[in-house]
Full PDB file with SEQRES, HELIX, SHEET, SSBOND, CRYST1, ORIGX, SCALE, CONECT and MASTER records, all heavy atoms in Angstrom:
SEQRES   1 A   42  ARG ALA LYS LEU SER TYR HIS GLY LEU ASP SER LEU PRO          
SEQRES   2 A   42  ALA GLY ALA SER ALA VAL ASP VAL MET LYS GLN VAL ILE          
SEQRES   3 A   42  ALA ILE ARG ALA SER LYS LEU PRO ASP PRO GLN VAL LEU          
SEQRES   4 A   42  PRO ASN ALA                                                  
HELIX    1 AA1 ALA A   18  LYS A   32  1                                  15    
CRYST1    1.000    1.000    1.000  90.00  90.00  90.00 P 1           1          
ORIGX1      1.000000  0.000000  0.000000        0.00000                         
ORIGX2      0.000000  1.000000  0.000000        0.00000                         
ORIGX3      0.000000  0.000000  1.000000        0.00000                         
SCALE1      1.000000  0.000000  0.000000        0.00000                         
SCALE2      0.000000  1.000000  0.000000        0.00000                         
SCALE3      0.000000  0.000000  1.000000        0.00000                         
ATOM      1  N   ARG A   1     -22.737   0.593  12.881  1.00  0.00           N  
ATOM      2  CA  ARG A   1     -21.568   0.626  12.016  1.00  0.00           C  
ATOM      3  C   ARG A   1     -21.338  -0.780  11.472  1.00  0.00           C  
ATOM      4  O   ARG A   1     -21.402  -1.763  12.221  1.00  0.00           O  
ATOM      5  CB  ARG A   1     -20.330   1.093  12.777  1.00  0.00           C  
ATOM      6  CG  ARG A   1     -20.374   2.547  13.191  1.00  0.00           C  
ATOM      7  CD  ARG A   1     -19.083   2.946  13.874  1.00  0.00           C  
ATOM      8  NE  ARG A   1     -17.938   2.847  12.958  1.00  0.00           N  
ATOM      9  CZ  ARG A   1     -16.691   3.070  13.327  1.00  0.00           C  
ATOM     10  NH1 ARG A   1     -16.404   3.386  14.584  1.00  0.00           N  
ATOM     11  NH2 ARG A   1     -15.713   2.956  12.443  1.00  0.00           N  
ATOM     12  N   ALA A   2     -21.068  -0.867  10.184  1.00  0.00           N  
ATOM     13  CA  ALA A   2     -20.845  -2.173   9.569  1.00  0.00           C  
ATOM     14  C   ALA A   2     -19.608  -2.830  10.158  1.00  0.00           C  
ATOM     15  O   ALA A   2     -18.593  -2.174  10.414  1.00  0.00           O  
ATOM     16  CB  ALA A   2     -20.681  -2.014   8.063  1.00  0.00           C  
ATOM     17  N   LYS A   3     -19.687  -4.141  10.391  1.00  0.00           N  
ATOM     18  CA  LYS A   3     -18.551  -4.920  10.885  1.00  0.00           C  
ATOM     19  C   LYS A   3     -17.947  -5.662   9.696  1.00  0.00           C  
ATOM     20  O   LYS A   3     -18.498  -6.663   9.226  1.00  0.00           O  
ATOM     21  CB  LYS A   3     -19.011  -5.882  11.978  1.00  0.00           C  
ATOM     22  CG  LYS A   3     -19.539  -5.139  13.207  1.00  0.00           C  
ATOM     23  CD  LYS A   3     -19.895  -6.082  14.343  1.00  0.00           C  
ATOM     24  CE  LYS A   3     -20.389  -5.289  15.554  1.00  0.00           C  
ATOM     25  NZ  LYS A   3     -20.751  -6.164  16.691  1.00  0.00           N  
ATOM     26  N   LEU A   4     -16.799  -5.169   9.240  1.00  0.00           N  
ATOM     27  CA  LEU A   4     -16.220  -5.627   7.980  1.00  0.00           C  
ATOM     28  C   LEU A   4     -14.829  -6.218   8.138  1.00  0.00           C  
ATOM     29  O   LEU A   4     -14.117  -6.403   7.152  1.00  0.00           O  
ATOM     30  CB  LEU A   4     -16.148  -4.444   6.992  1.00  0.00           C  
ATOM     31  CG  LEU A   4     -17.447  -3.687   6.725  1.00  0.00           C  
ATOM     32  CD1 LEU A   4     -17.197  -2.503   5.808  1.00  0.00           C  
ATOM     33  CD2 LEU A   4     -18.499  -4.612   6.123  1.00  0.00           C  
ATOM     34  N   SER A   5     -14.446  -6.548   9.377  1.00  0.00           N  
ATOM     35  CA  SER A   5     -13.078  -7.003   9.598  1.00  0.00           C  
ATOM     36  C   SER A   5     -12.842  -8.437   9.120  1.00  0.00           C  
ATOM     37  O   SER A   5     -11.706  -8.820   8.820  1.00  0.00           O  
ATOM     38  CB  SER A   5     -12.718  -6.901  11.086  1.00  0.00           C  
ATOM     39  OG  SER A   5     -13.590  -7.715  11.865  1.00  0.00           O  
ATOM     40  N   TYR A   6     -13.910  -9.228   9.032  1.00  0.00           N  
ATOM     41  CA  TYR A   6     -13.742 -10.635   8.674  1.00  0.00           C  
ATOM     42  C   TYR A   6     -13.375 -10.782   7.206  1.00  0.00           C  
ATOM     43  O   TYR A   6     -13.869 -10.046   6.344  1.00  0.00           O  
ATOM     44  CB  TYR A   6     -15.037 -11.404   8.989  1.00  0.00           C  
ATOM     45  CG  TYR A   6     -14.844 -12.891   9.136  1.00  0.00           C  
ATOM     46  CD1 TYR A   6     -14.613 -13.458  10.383  1.00  0.00           C  
ATOM     47  CD2 TYR A   6     -14.878 -13.732   8.027  1.00  0.00           C  
ATOM     48  CE1 TYR A   6     -14.436 -14.824  10.525  1.00  0.00           C  
ATOM     49  CE2 TYR A   6     -14.694 -15.095   8.151  1.00  0.00           C  
ATOM     50  CZ  TYR A   6     -14.487 -15.643   9.413  1.00  0.00           C  
ATOM     51  OH  TYR A   6     -14.297 -16.990   9.548  1.00  0.00           O  
ATOM     52  N   HIS A   7     -12.503 -11.754   6.928  1.00  0.00           N  
ATOM     53  CA  HIS A   7     -12.087 -11.996   5.544  1.00  0.00           C  
ATOM     54  C   HIS A   7     -13.304 -12.270   4.653  1.00  0.00           C  
ATOM     55  O   HIS A   7     -14.165 -13.083   4.985  1.00  0.00           O  
ATOM     56  CB  HIS A   7     -11.139 -13.194   5.489  1.00  0.00           C  
ATOM     57  CG  HIS A   7     -10.715 -13.550   4.099  1.00  0.00           C  
ATOM     58  ND1 HIS A   7      -9.894 -12.743   3.345  1.00  0.00           N  
ATOM     59  CD2 HIS A   7     -11.020 -14.615   3.307  1.00  0.00           C  
ATOM     60  CE1 HIS A   7      -9.697 -13.286   2.158  1.00  0.00           C  
ATOM     61  NE2 HIS A   7     -10.376 -14.430   2.108  1.00  0.00           N  
ATOM     62  N   GLY A   8     -13.363 -11.586   3.544  1.00  0.00           N  
ATOM     63  CA  GLY A   8     -14.498 -11.704   2.637  1.00  0.00           C  
ATOM     64  C   GLY A   8     -15.383 -10.479   2.700  1.00  0.00           C  
ATOM     65  O   GLY A   8     -16.027 -10.118   1.705  1.00  0.00           O  
ATOM     66  N   LEU A   9     -15.412  -9.840   3.862  1.00  0.00           N  
ATOM     67  CA  LEU A   9     -16.168  -8.600   4.011  1.00  0.00           C  
ATOM     68  C   LEU A   9     -15.246  -7.387   3.970  1.00  0.00           C  
ATOM     69  O   LEU A   9     -15.717  -6.261   3.762  1.00  0.00           O  
ATOM     70  CB  LEU A   9     -16.953  -8.592   5.332  1.00  0.00           C  
ATOM     71  CG  LEU A   9     -17.973  -9.711   5.544  1.00  0.00           C  
ATOM     72  CD1 LEU A   9     -18.732  -9.495   6.851  1.00  0.00           C  
ATOM     73  CD2 LEU A   9     -18.950  -9.797   4.378  1.00  0.00           C  
ATOM     74  N   ASP A  10     -13.939  -7.612   4.170  1.00  0.00           N  
ATOM     75  CA  ASP A  10     -12.995  -6.498   4.201  1.00  0.00           C  
ATOM     76  C   ASP A  10     -12.781  -5.859   2.841  1.00  0.00           C  
ATOM     77  O   ASP A  10     -12.137  -4.805   2.729  1.00  0.00           O  
ATOM     78  CB  ASP A  10     -11.652  -6.939   4.802  1.00  0.00           C  
ATOM     79  CG  ASP A  10     -11.083  -8.189   4.128  1.00  0.00           C  
ATOM     80  OD1 ASP A  10     -11.685  -8.660   3.144  1.00  0.00           O  
ATOM     81  OD2 ASP A  10     -10.054  -8.693   4.606  1.00  0.00           O  
ATOM     82  N   SER A  11     -13.337  -6.465   1.805  1.00  0.00           N  
ATOM     83  CA  SER A  11     -13.243  -5.861   0.469  1.00  0.00           C  
ATOM     84  C   SER A  11     -14.336  -4.817   0.241  1.00  0.00           C  
ATOM     85  O   SER A  11     -14.270  -4.048  -0.729  1.00  0.00           O  
ATOM     86  CB  SER A  11     -13.346  -6.943  -0.612  1.00  0.00           C  
ATOM     87  OG  SER A  11     -14.605  -7.614  -0.535  1.00  0.00           O  
ATOM     88  N   LEU A  12     -15.322  -4.775   1.118  1.00  0.00           N  
ATOM     89  CA  LEU A  12     -16.401  -3.792   0.992  1.00  0.00           C  
ATOM     90  C   LEU A  12     -15.901  -2.417   1.429  1.00  0.00           C  
ATOM     91  O   LEU A  12     -15.043  -2.303   2.307  1.00  0.00           O  
ATOM     92  CB  LEU A  12     -17.592  -4.199   1.862  1.00  0.00           C  
ATOM     93  CG  LEU A  12     -18.374  -5.441   1.429  1.00  0.00           C  
ATOM     94  CD1 LEU A  12     -19.409  -5.813   2.490  1.00  0.00           C  
ATOM     95  CD2 LEU A  12     -19.060  -5.205   0.083  1.00  0.00           C  
ATOM     96  N   PRO A  13     -16.448  -1.348   0.849  1.00  0.00           N  
ATOM     97  CA  PRO A  13     -16.034   0.000   1.261  1.00  0.00           C  
ATOM     98  C   PRO A  13     -16.486   0.306   2.681  1.00  0.00           C  
ATOM     99  O   PRO A  13     -17.451  -0.289   3.178  1.00  0.00           O  
ATOM    100  CB  PRO A  13     -16.743   0.905   0.247  1.00  0.00           C  
ATOM    101  CG  PRO A  13     -17.912   0.094  -0.238  1.00  0.00           C  
ATOM    102  CD  PRO A  13     -17.443  -1.327  -0.248  1.00  0.00           C  
ATOM    103  N   ALA A  14     -15.804   1.222   3.328  1.00  0.00           N  
ATOM    104  CA  ALA A  14     -16.118   1.563   4.723  1.00  0.00           C  
ATOM    105  C   ALA A  14     -17.562   2.029   4.887  1.00  0.00           C  
ATOM    106  O   ALA A  14     -18.176   1.830   5.935  1.00  0.00           O  
ATOM    107  CB  ALA A  14     -15.158   2.631   5.218  1.00  0.00           C  
ATOM    108  N   GLY A  15     -18.112   2.625   3.836  1.00  0.00           N  
ATOM    109  CA  GLY A  15     -19.487   3.125   3.923  1.00  0.00           C  
ATOM    110  C   GLY A  15     -20.535   2.133   3.454  1.00  0.00           C  
ATOM    111  O   GLY A  15     -21.674   2.526   3.149  1.00  0.00           O  
ATOM    112  N   ALA A  16     -20.192   0.858   3.428  1.00  0.00           N  
ATOM    113  CA  ALA A  16     -21.136  -0.166   2.957  1.00  0.00           C  
ATOM    114  C   ALA A  16     -22.397  -0.165   3.815  1.00  0.00           C  
ATOM    115  O   ALA A  16     -22.338  -0.014   5.040  1.00  0.00           O  
ATOM    116  CB  ALA A  16     -20.475  -1.539   3.001  1.00  0.00           C  
ATOM    117  N   SER A  17     -23.538  -0.346   3.171  1.00  0.00           N  
ATOM    118  CA  SER A  17     -24.813  -0.400   3.882  1.00  0.00           C  
ATOM    119  C   SER A  17     -25.040  -1.794   4.442  1.00  0.00           C  
ATOM    120  O   SER A  17     -24.354  -2.751   4.075  1.00  0.00           O  
ATOM    121  CB  SER A  17     -25.963  -0.041   2.949  1.00  0.00           C  
ATOM    122  OG  SER A  17     -26.137  -1.067   1.973  1.00  0.00           O  
ATOM    123  N   ALA A  18     -26.029  -1.914   5.317  1.00  0.00           N  
ATOM    124  CA  ALA A  18     -26.377  -3.220   5.874  1.00  0.00           C  
ATOM    125  C   ALA A  18     -26.835  -4.168   4.766  1.00  0.00           C  
ATOM    126  O   ALA A  18     -26.549  -5.368   4.811  1.00  0.00           O  
ATOM    127  CB  ALA A  18     -27.472  -3.068   6.932  1.00  0.00           C  
ATOM    128  N   VAL A  19     -27.519  -3.635   3.768  1.00  0.00           N  
ATOM    129  CA  VAL A  19     -27.950  -4.458   2.632  1.00  0.00           C  
ATOM    130  C   VAL A  19     -26.736  -4.968   1.863  1.00  0.00           C  
ATOM    131  O   VAL A  19     -26.680  -6.134   1.458  1.00  0.00           O  
ATOM    132  CB  VAL A  19     -28.889  -3.664   1.704  1.00  0.00           C  
ATOM    133  CG1 VAL A  19     -29.187  -4.455   0.431  1.00  0.00           C  
ATOM    134  CG2 VAL A  19     -30.194  -3.334   2.427  1.00  0.00           C  
ATOM    135  N   ASP A  20     -25.743  -4.084   1.675  1.00  0.00           N  
ATOM    136  CA  ASP A  20     -24.510  -4.496   0.999  1.00  0.00           C  
ATOM    137  C   ASP A  20     -23.841  -5.644   1.745  1.00  0.00           C  
ATOM    138  O   ASP A  20     -23.387  -6.621   1.135  1.00  0.00           O  
ATOM    139  CB  ASP A  20     -23.537  -3.326   0.896  1.00  0.00           C  
ATOM    140  CG  ASP A  20     -24.021  -2.218  -0.018  1.00  0.00           C  
ATOM    141  OD1 ASP A  20     -24.800  -2.523  -0.935  1.00  0.00           O  
ATOM    142  OD2 ASP A  20     -23.612  -1.061   0.198  1.00  0.00           O  
ATOM    143  N   VAL A  21     -23.764  -5.505   3.075  1.00  0.00           N  
ATOM    144  CA  VAL A  21     -23.120  -6.532   3.896  1.00  0.00           C  
ATOM    145  C   VAL A  21     -23.900  -7.840   3.807  1.00  0.00           C  
ATOM    146  O   VAL A  21     -23.314  -8.915   3.621  1.00  0.00           O  
ATOM    147  CB  VAL A  21     -23.012  -6.073   5.365  1.00  0.00           C  
ATOM    148  CG1 VAL A  21     -22.424  -7.190   6.226  1.00  0.00           C  
ATOM    149  CG2 VAL A  21     -22.164  -4.817   5.475  1.00  0.00           C  
ATOM    150  N   MET A  22     -25.217  -7.767   3.924  1.00  0.00           N  
ATOM    151  CA  MET A  22     -26.038  -8.969   3.852  1.00  0.00           C  
ATOM    152  C   MET A  22     -25.861  -9.674   2.511  1.00  0.00           C  
ATOM    153  O   MET A  22     -25.687 -10.898   2.462  1.00  0.00           O  
ATOM    154  CB  MET A  22     -27.513  -8.648   4.078  1.00  0.00           C  
ATOM    155  CG  MET A  22     -28.407  -9.886   4.033  1.00  0.00           C  
ATOM    156  SD  MET A  22     -30.166  -9.553   4.360  1.00  0.00           S  
ATOM    157  CE  MET A  22     -30.622  -8.678   2.864  1.00  0.00           C  
ATOM    158  N   LYS A  23     -25.870  -8.924   1.420  1.00  0.00           N  
ATOM    159  CA  LYS A  23     -25.712  -9.522   0.099  1.00  0.00           C  
ATOM    160  C   LYS A  23     -24.345 -10.193  -0.036  1.00  0.00           C  
ATOM    161  O   LYS A  23     -24.232 -11.275  -0.625  1.00  0.00           O  
ATOM    162  CB  LYS A  23     -25.892  -8.456  -0.984  1.00  0.00           C  
ATOM    163  CG  LYS A  23     -27.328  -8.002  -1.167  1.00  0.00           C  
ATOM    164  CD  LYS A  23     -27.440  -6.971  -2.280  1.00  0.00           C  
ATOM    165  CE  LYS A  23     -28.894  -6.577  -2.525  1.00  0.00           C  
ATOM    166  NZ  LYS A  23     -29.014  -5.545  -3.590  1.00  0.00           N  
ATOM    167  N   GLN A  24     -23.314  -9.561   0.529  1.00  0.00           N  
ATOM    168  CA  GLN A  24     -21.977 -10.138   0.456  1.00  0.00           C  
ATOM    169  C   GLN A  24     -21.894 -11.424   1.273  1.00  0.00           C  
ATOM    170  O   GLN A  24     -21.307 -12.416   0.829  1.00  0.00           O  
ATOM    171  CB  GLN A  24     -20.942  -9.126   0.959  1.00  0.00           C  
ATOM    172  CG  GLN A  24     -19.499  -9.578   0.870  1.00  0.00           C  
ATOM    173  CD  GLN A  24     -18.913  -9.449  -0.518  1.00  0.00           C  
ATOM    174  OE1 GLN A  24     -19.640  -9.339  -1.513  1.00  0.00           O  
ATOM    175  NE2 GLN A  24     -17.594  -9.466  -0.603  1.00  0.00           N  
ATOM    176  N   VAL A  25     -22.486 -11.424   2.465  1.00  0.00           N  
ATOM    177  CA  VAL A  25     -22.494 -12.618   3.310  1.00  0.00           C  
ATOM    178  C   VAL A  25     -23.223 -13.759   2.608  1.00  0.00           C  
ATOM    179  O   VAL A  25     -22.751 -14.900   2.592  1.00  0.00           O  
ATOM    180  CB  VAL A  25     -23.147 -12.318   4.680  1.00  0.00           C  
ATOM    181  CG1 VAL A  25     -23.422 -13.608   5.446  1.00  0.00           C  
ATOM    182  CG2 VAL A  25     -22.252 -11.406   5.502  1.00  0.00           C  
ATOM    183  N   ILE A  26     -24.366 -13.449   2.031  1.00  0.00           N  
ATOM    184  CA  ILE A  26     -25.131 -14.471   1.314  1.00  0.00           C  
ATOM    185  C   ILE A  26     -24.320 -15.029   0.150  1.00  0.00           C  
ATOM    186  O   ILE A  26     -24.281 -16.250  -0.076  1.00  0.00           O  
ATOM    187  CB  ILE A  26     -26.470 -13.885   0.823  1.00  0.00           C  
ATOM    188  CG1 ILE A  26     -27.392 -13.611   2.015  1.00  0.00           C  
ATOM    189  CG2 ILE A  26     -27.148 -14.831  -0.169  1.00  0.00           C  
ATOM    190  CD1 ILE A  26     -28.666 -12.874   1.650  1.00  0.00           C  
ATOM    191  N   ALA A  27     -23.643 -14.163  -0.589  1.00  0.00           N  
ATOM    192  CA  ALA A  27     -22.847 -14.610  -1.727  1.00  0.00           C  
ATOM    193  C   ALA A  27     -21.698 -15.509  -1.279  1.00  0.00           C  
ATOM    194  O   ALA A  27     -21.426 -16.546  -1.900  1.00  0.00           O  
ATOM    195  CB  ALA A  27     -22.307 -13.400  -2.483  1.00  0.00           C  
ATOM    196  N   ILE A  28     -21.032 -15.123  -0.189  1.00  0.00           N  
ATOM    197  CA  ILE A  28     -19.911 -15.925   0.311  1.00  0.00           C  
ATOM    198  C   ILE A  28     -20.398 -17.288   0.772  1.00  0.00           C  
ATOM    199  O   ILE A  28     -19.827 -18.326   0.433  1.00  0.00           O  
ATOM    200  CB  ILE A  28     -19.193 -15.194   1.463  1.00  0.00           C  
ATOM    201  CG1 ILE A  28     -18.511 -13.923   0.960  1.00  0.00           C  
ATOM    202  CG2 ILE A  28     -18.150 -16.113   2.108  1.00  0.00           C  
ATOM    203  CD1 ILE A  28     -17.980 -13.039   2.072  1.00  0.00           C  
ATOM    204  N   ARG A  29     -21.471 -17.280   1.566  1.00  0.00           N  
ATOM    205  CA  ARG A  29     -21.982 -18.548   2.090  1.00  0.00           C  
ATOM    206  C   ARG A  29     -22.476 -19.449   0.955  1.00  0.00           C  
ATOM    207  O   ARG A  29     -22.246 -20.660   0.976  1.00  0.00           O  
ATOM    208  CB  ARG A  29     -23.104 -18.294   3.108  1.00  0.00           C  
ATOM    209  CG  ARG A  29     -22.633 -17.655   4.404  1.00  0.00           C  
ATOM    210  CD  ARG A  29     -23.776 -17.507   5.408  1.00  0.00           C  
ATOM    211  NE  ARG A  29     -24.233 -18.802   5.893  1.00  0.00           N  
ATOM    212  CZ  ARG A  29     -23.750 -19.414   6.971  1.00  0.00           C  
ATOM    213  NH1 ARG A  29     -22.787 -18.862   7.681  1.00  0.00           N  
ATOM    214  NH2 ARG A  29     -24.237 -20.583   7.350  1.00  0.00           N  
ATOM    215  N   ALA A  30     -23.145 -18.864  -0.015  1.00  0.00           N  
ATOM    216  CA  ALA A  30     -23.666 -19.659  -1.130  1.00  0.00           C  
ATOM    217  C   ALA A  30     -22.535 -20.253  -1.969  1.00  0.00           C  
ATOM    218  O   ALA A  30     -22.675 -21.340  -2.537  1.00  0.00           O  
ATOM    219  CB  ALA A  30     -24.582 -18.806  -2.003  1.00  0.00           C  
ATOM    220  N   SER A  31     -21.388 -19.548  -2.029  1.00  0.00           N  
ATOM    221  CA  SER A  31     -20.266 -20.045  -2.822  1.00  0.00           C  
ATOM    222  C   SER A  31     -19.510 -21.153  -2.105  1.00  0.00           C  
ATOM    223  O   SER A  31     -18.863 -21.983  -2.743  1.00  0.00           O  
ATOM    224  CB  SER A  31     -19.300 -18.899  -3.151  1.00  0.00           C  
ATOM    225  OG  SER A  31     -18.618 -18.453  -1.980  1.00  0.00           O  
ATOM    226  N   LYS A  32     -19.593 -21.172  -0.778  1.00  0.00           N  
ATOM    227  CA  LYS A  32     -18.830 -22.139   0.004  1.00  0.00           C  
ATOM    228  C   LYS A  32     -19.658 -23.328   0.471  1.00  0.00           C  
ATOM    229  O   LYS A  32     -19.149 -24.445   0.587  1.00  0.00           O  
ATOM    230  CB  LYS A  32     -18.244 -21.452   1.253  1.00  0.00           C  
ATOM    231  CG  LYS A  32     -17.130 -20.482   0.978  1.00  0.00           C  
ATOM    232  CD  LYS A  32     -16.575 -19.941   2.290  1.00  0.00           C  
ATOM    233  CE  LYS A  32     -15.373 -19.043   2.081  1.00  0.00           C  
ATOM    234  NZ  LYS A  32     -14.814 -18.564   3.367  1.00  0.00           N  
ATOM    235  N   LEU A  33     -20.921 -23.078   0.798  1.00  0.00           N  
ATOM    236  CA  LEU A  33     -21.735 -24.104   1.454  1.00  0.00           C  
ATOM    237  C   LEU A  33     -22.792 -24.644   0.503  1.00  0.00           C  
ATOM    238  O   LEU A  33     -23.544 -23.866  -0.104  1.00  0.00           O  
ATOM    239  CB  LEU A  33     -22.416 -23.519   2.701  1.00  0.00           C  
ATOM    240  CG  LEU A  33     -21.468 -22.916   3.743  1.00  0.00           C  
ATOM    241  CD1 LEU A  33     -22.255 -22.251   4.855  1.00  0.00           C  
ATOM    242  CD2 LEU A  33     -20.546 -23.989   4.315  1.00  0.00           C  
ATOM    243  N   PRO A  34     -22.907 -25.953   0.374  1.00  0.00           N  
ATOM    244  CA  PRO A  34     -23.915 -26.533  -0.517  1.00  0.00           C  
ATOM    245  C   PRO A  34     -25.323 -26.319   0.017  1.00  0.00           C  
ATOM    246  O   PRO A  34     -25.551 -26.329   1.235  1.00  0.00           O  
ATOM    247  CB  PRO A  34     -23.549 -28.017  -0.528  1.00  0.00           C  
ATOM    248  CG  PRO A  34     -22.817 -28.247   0.762  1.00  0.00           C  
ATOM    249  CD  PRO A  34     -22.077 -26.982   1.034  1.00  0.00           C  
ATOM    250  N   ASP A  35     -26.254 -26.120  -0.877  1.00  0.00           N  
ATOM    251  CA  ASP A  35     -27.665 -25.941  -0.517  1.00  0.00           C  
ATOM    252  C   ASP A  35     -28.205 -27.264   0.025  1.00  0.00           C  
ATOM    253  O   ASP A  35     -28.181 -28.281  -0.676  1.00  0.00           O  
ATOM    254  CB  ASP A  35     -28.445 -25.520  -1.765  1.00  0.00           C  
ATOM    255  CG  ASP A  35     -29.910 -25.234  -1.486  1.00  0.00           C  
ATOM    256  OD1 ASP A  35     -30.395 -25.573  -0.391  1.00  0.00           O  
ATOM    257  OD2 ASP A  35     -30.574 -24.687  -2.389  1.00  0.00           O  
ATOM    258  N   PRO A  36     -28.704 -27.284   1.278  1.00  0.00           N  
ATOM    259  CA  PRO A  36     -29.219 -28.541   1.835  1.00  0.00           C  
ATOM    260  C   PRO A  36     -30.414 -29.105   1.081  1.00  0.00           C  
ATOM    261  O   PRO A  36     -30.715 -30.293   1.202  1.00  0.00           O  
ATOM    262  CB  PRO A  36     -29.584 -28.177   3.278  1.00  0.00           C  
ATOM    263  CG  PRO A  36     -29.686 -26.691   3.305  1.00  0.00           C  
ATOM    264  CD  PRO A  36     -28.750 -26.188   2.252  1.00  0.00           C  
ATOM    265  N   GLN A  37     -31.088 -28.266   0.280  1.00  0.00           N  
ATOM    266  CA  GLN A  37     -32.188 -28.768  -0.534  1.00  0.00           C  
ATOM    267  C   GLN A  37     -31.679 -29.597  -1.712  1.00  0.00           C  
ATOM    268  O   GLN A  37     -32.411 -30.401  -2.277  1.00  0.00           O  
ATOM    269  CB  GLN A  37     -33.030 -27.594  -1.057  1.00  0.00           C  
ATOM    270  CG  GLN A  37     -33.679 -26.756   0.017  1.00  0.00           C  
ATOM    271  CD  GLN A  37     -34.658 -27.551   0.867  1.00  0.00           C  
ATOM    272  OE1 GLN A  37     -35.421 -28.360   0.344  1.00  0.00           O  
ATOM    273  NE2 GLN A  37     -34.648 -27.322   2.174  1.00  0.00           N  
ATOM    274  N   VAL A  38     -30.420 -29.387  -2.065  1.00  0.00           N  
ATOM    275  CA  VAL A  38     -29.799 -30.120  -3.171  1.00  0.00           C  
ATOM    276  C   VAL A  38     -28.913 -31.239  -2.650  1.00  0.00           C  
ATOM    277  O   VAL A  38     -28.991 -32.388  -3.100  1.00  0.00           O  
ATOM    278  CB  VAL A  38     -28.980 -29.164  -4.061  1.00  0.00           C  
ATOM    279  CG1 VAL A  38     -28.306 -29.930  -5.200  1.00  0.00           C  
ATOM    280  CG2 VAL A  38     -29.867 -28.052  -4.609  1.00  0.00           C  
ATOM    281  N   LEU A  39     -28.049 -30.909  -1.700  1.00  0.00           N  
ATOM    282  CA  LEU A  39     -27.172 -31.876  -1.040  1.00  0.00           C  
ATOM    283  C   LEU A  39     -27.419 -31.788   0.464  1.00  0.00           C  
ATOM    284  O   LEU A  39     -26.974 -30.838   1.109  1.00  0.00           O  
ATOM    285  CB  LEU A  39     -25.698 -31.572  -1.343  1.00  0.00           C  
ATOM    286  CG  LEU A  39     -25.132 -32.022  -2.677  1.00  0.00           C  
ATOM    287  CD1 LEU A  39     -23.693 -31.533  -2.822  1.00  0.00           C  
ATOM    288  CD2 LEU A  39     -25.187 -33.540  -2.812  1.00  0.00           C  
ATOM    289  N   PRO A  40     -28.164 -32.728   1.035  1.00  0.00           N  
ATOM    290  CA  PRO A  40     -28.504 -32.642   2.456  1.00  0.00           C  
ATOM    291  C   PRO A  40     -27.262 -32.505   3.343  1.00  0.00           C  
ATOM    292  O   PRO A  40     -26.318 -33.295   3.243  1.00  0.00           O  
ATOM    293  CB  PRO A  40     -29.230 -33.962   2.713  1.00  0.00           C  
ATOM    294  CG  PRO A  40     -29.814 -34.339   1.388  1.00  0.00           C  
ATOM    295  CD  PRO A  40     -28.784 -33.906   0.390  1.00  0.00           C  
ATOM    296  N   ASN A  41     -27.267 -31.480   4.191  1.00  0.00           N  
ATOM    297  CA  ASN A  41     -26.146 -31.221   5.086  1.00  0.00           C  
ATOM    298  C   ASN A  41     -26.599 -30.313   6.217  1.00  0.00           C  
ATOM    299  O   ASN A  41     -27.707 -29.772   6.187  1.00  0.00           O  
ATOM    300  CB  ASN A  41     -24.981 -30.597   4.319  1.00  0.00           C  
ATOM    301  CG  ASN A  41     -25.245 -29.163   3.911  1.00  0.00           C  
ATOM    302  OD1 ASN A  41     -24.961 -28.223   4.652  1.00  0.00           O  
ATOM    303  ND2 ASN A  41     -25.818 -28.979   2.709  1.00  0.00           N  
ATOM    304  N   ALA A  42     -25.728 -30.133   7.189  1.00  0.00           N  
ATOM    305  CA  ALA A  42     -26.046 -29.281   8.334  1.00  0.00           C  
ATOM    306  C   ALA A  42     -25.087 -28.102   8.425  1.00  0.00           C  
ATOM    307  O   ALA A  42     -24.838 -27.571   9.506  1.00  0.00           O  
ATOM    308  CB  ALA A  42     -26.000 -30.094   9.623  1.00  0.00           C  
TER     309      ALA A  42                                                      
MASTER        0    0    0    1    0    0    0    6  308    1    0    4          
END                                                                             
């Protein structure tokens, strides 16, 4: 069962697939965290 309680994932529908969740997580992380290949970070 998809775990959607965290802020940012709670906008997904209850029937979201694992691919949907993964794409949303990637989008959120990419919007918040700089790419270490561009700006070195941990």
